[in-house]
Structure formats: structure tokens, C-alpha cells
Amino acid sequence: MVTKHIKYAKYVIRHKFFVMLECFKHGLIYRGLKHDISKFLPGEWFPYVEFFYGTKAKQVRDETGYYKPTDTGNKAFDFAWLLHQKRNDHHWQWWCYQRTVVGQKYYLCRCQRYWKCVVIGAVPPERKVMVVGVAQLV
């Protein structure tokens, strides 16, 4: 039981170490230090440990190492992944809020100066994303 926690801790620490090295090379000290720190919180830690190293853990990565972290069928992990995205600004989901109105998906995306309302779906085939409106923040 403890072994799966140790394995996951090794994985997270190794990942953070290499991200920190790259951030430090570019002068991004704070970003390197805070990267994925939320993975140590219980709401992310325990579901991640069970999903990747638990007794029911299955091979989720393909031969390239990629895995699709959404809709895994494991509700605890899916929620932990959502929490992780919303806690960490290195994920695009931190910057966007999704709303569905009358079957149409809308994303309200924030950046330093602008809020953009982006419509996904029902757009011309040559455009994957259509900007509906832009409002400058004061």
C-alpha cells in the first residue's frame, strides 16, 4: 500500500525536477517552483495514486507514452484531473470557462487584457474556433 505512494511521489518529484530545470534556464524561478505543486494536495494525490499505481490500475498509456486523461471511467480521477487543470495556469483549461447554451459550447477565455467569448462547433469547416466578441478589461 505504501509502495504505490512512494512510486507516485518519485514520479511527481522527478517531473517537477525536470520542469524546474527548464524553467530556471529561462529565468522563470517562481513558475518552476510552483509547477504541479497541487499534485501533493489530497484531492489530487489519492485519486492519482489509485489510478496509476493502485490495485485496479490498468495500462492507460499507449506505446508513445500518451494517455487521454479525460473520460477515463474513473470518476475520482476525472474529478482530480479537473481540479488539477483549474488549479494550474500551465493548462489551457485554467484560462477558459466552458458553458453550453442551447446545445452550443461557449468558452470564455481570459488573458491579461482581454476576455474572449469563443464558440466551438457549428463553425465553418475552415475555422475550428470563431471569436464572437472581445471586451477589453479595465
Protein backbone atom coordinates (compact mmCIF):
# COMPACT_ATOMS: atom_id res chain seq x y z
CA MET A 1 0.00 0.00 0.00
CA VAL A 2 2.77 2.44 0.86
CA THR A 3 4.75 1.38 -2.23
CA LYS A 4 2.23 2.92 -4.63
CA HIS A 5 2.53 6.25 -2.79
CA ILE A 6 6.32 6.08 -2.94
CA LYS A 7 6.20 5.28 -6.67
CA TYR A 8 3.87 8.19 -7.33
CA ALA A 9 5.97 10.55 -5.17
CA LYS A 10 9.08 9.57 -7.17
CA TYR A 11 7.22 10.24 -10.42
CA VAL A 12 5.93 13.68 -9.33
CA ILE A 13 9.26 14.78 -7.84
CA ARG A 14 11.14 13.69 -10.96
CA HIS A 15 8.64 15.51 -13.19
CA LYS A 16 8.85 18.68 -11.08
CA PHE A 17 12.65 18.50 -11.09
CA PHE A 18 12.90 18.46 -14.88
CA VAL A 19 10.28 21.18 -15.30
CA MET A 20 12.17 23.31 -12.75
CA LEU A 21 15.42 22.85 -14.63
CA GLU A 22 13.85 24.13 -17.85
CA CYS A 23 12.07 27.00 -16.12
CA PHE A 24 15.25 28.06 -14.32
CA LYS A 25 17.14 28.11 -17.65
CA HIS A 26 14.66 30.73 -18.83
CA GLY A 27 14.65 32.74 -15.61
CA LEU A 28 11.19 31.51 -14.58
CA ILE A 29 12.11 30.69 -10.98
CA TYR A 30 8.65 31.05 -9.42
CA ARG A 31 6.94 29.12 -12.23
CA GLY A 32 9.46 26.30 -11.86
CA LEU A 33 8.93 26.11 -8.11
CA LYS A 34 5.12 26.18 -8.22
CA HIS A 35 4.66 23.83 -11.19
CA ASP A 36 2.28 20.98 -10.31
CA ILE A 37 2.51 21.69 -6.58
CA SER A 38 -1.23 20.92 -6.38
CA LYS A 39 -0.47 17.26 -7.14
CA PHE A 40 0.59 16.98 -3.49
CA LEU A 41 -2.87 18.00 -2.26
CA PRO A 42 -5.09 15.11 -1.07
CA GLY A 43 -7.79 15.86 -3.67
CA GLU A 44 -5.32 15.10 -6.45
CA TRP A 45 -2.83 12.83 -4.68
CA PHE A 46 -5.06 9.92 -3.70
CA PRO A 47 -7.06 9.62 -6.95
CA TYR A 48 -3.84 9.86 -8.99
CA VAL A 49 -2.12 7.18 -6.87
CA GLU A 50 -5.09 4.82 -7.23
CA PHE A 51 -5.45 5.47 -10.95
CA PHE A 52 -1.79 4.99 -11.89
CA TYR A 53 -0.47 2.68 -9.16
CA GLY A 54 -3.50 1.16 -7.40
CA THR A 55 -4.62 -2.46 -7.48
CA LYS A 56 -7.09 -1.74 -10.29
CA ALA A 57 -4.63 0.40 -12.28
CA LYS A 58 -4.54 -0.54 -15.91
CA GLN A 59 -2.20 0.36 -18.70
CA VAL A 60 -3.51 3.77 -19.73
CA ARG A 61 -0.61 4.94 -21.88
CA ASP A 62 -0.12 3.93 -25.48
CA GLU A 63 3.25 2.96 -27.00
CA THR A 64 4.27 6.66 -27.26
CA GLY A 65 3.54 7.31 -23.59
CA TYR A 66 0.39 9.36 -24.29
CA TYR A 67 -2.84 8.85 -22.38
CA LYS A 68 -6.15 10.66 -22.64
CA PRO A 69 -6.81 11.99 -19.13
CA THR A 70 -10.50 12.78 -19.67
CA ASP A 71 -13.47 10.42 -19.54
CA THR A 72 -11.46 7.55 -18.09
CA GLY A 73 -14.48 5.98 -16.42
CA ASN A 74 -12.85 6.59 -13.04
CA LYS A 75 -14.91 9.42 -11.50
CA ALA A 76 -12.41 10.16 -8.72
CA PHE A 77 -9.53 10.50 -11.18
CA ASP A 78 -11.58 12.52 -13.67
CA PHE A 79 -12.53 14.96 -10.90
CA ALA A 80 -8.93 15.15 -9.65
CA TRP A 81 -7.79 15.91 -13.21
CA LEU A 82 -10.40 18.68 -13.46
CA LEU A 83 -9.18 20.10 -10.14
CA HIS A 84 -5.60 19.99 -11.40
CA GLN A 85 -6.49 21.87 -14.59
CA LYS A 86 -8.36 24.56 -12.69
CA ARG A 87 -5.59 25.00 -10.10
CA ASN A 88 -2.66 25.31 -12.53
CA ASP A 89 -2.27 28.08 -15.09
CA HIS A 90 0.01 25.98 -17.30
CA HIS A 91 -3.15 24.19 -18.50
CA TRP A 92 -5.32 25.97 -21.08
CA GLN A 93 -8.41 24.93 -19.10
CA TRP A 94 -7.31 27.28 -16.30
CA TRP A 95 -7.70 30.16 -18.72
CA CYS A 96 -11.13 29.18 -20.11
CA TYR A 97 -14.58 28.58 -18.72
CA GLN A 98 -16.94 26.33 -20.67
CA ARG A 99 -20.67 26.94 -20.91
CA THR A 100 -23.28 25.20 -23.03
CA VAL A 101 -26.28 27.24 -24.13
CA VAL A 102 -28.96 25.58 -26.27
CA GLY A 103 -26.59 22.80 -27.30
CA GLN A 104 -23.83 25.23 -28.33
CA LYS A 105 -20.49 25.16 -26.43
CA TYR A 106 -19.04 28.54 -25.46
CA TYR A 107 -15.63 29.17 -23.93
CA LEU A 108 -14.94 32.39 -22.07
CA CYS A 109 -11.17 32.71 -22.14
CA ARG A 110 -9.16 35.15 -20.06
CA CYS A 111 -5.78 36.61 -20.68
CA GLN A 112 -4.04 39.62 -19.22
CA ARG A 113 -6.01 42.27 -21.09
CA TYR A 114 -8.97 40.66 -22.83
CA TRP A 115 -11.87 38.32 -22.28
CA LYS A 116 -12.85 36.45 -25.42
CA CYS A 117 -16.08 34.62 -25.96
CA VAL A 118 -15.22 31.71 -28.23
CA VAL A 119 -17.79 29.45 -29.88
CA ILE A 120 -16.87 25.82 -30.54
CA GLY A 121 -18.98 23.84 -33.01
CA ALA A 122 -21.29 24.98 -35.80
CA VAL A 123 -18.48 26.97 -37.39
CA PRO A 124 -17.28 26.97 -40.97
CA PRO A 125 -15.10 23.91 -41.73
CA GLU A 126 -12.04 26.07 -42.42
CA ARG A 127 -12.25 27.63 -38.94
CA LYS A 128 -12.11 25.48 -35.82
CA VAL A 129 -12.68 28.41 -33.47
CA MET A 130 -14.70 31.54 -34.08
CA VAL A 131 -14.21 34.63 -31.91
CA VAL A 132 -17.66 36.05 -31.24
CA GLY A 133 -16.67 39.14 -29.31
CA VAL A 134 -13.82 40.78 -27.46
CA ALA A 135 -14.13 43.11 -24.50
CA GLN A 136 -11.16 44.95 -23.03
CA LEU A 137 -10.83 44.76 -19.26
CA VAL A 138 -10.35 47.97 -17.35
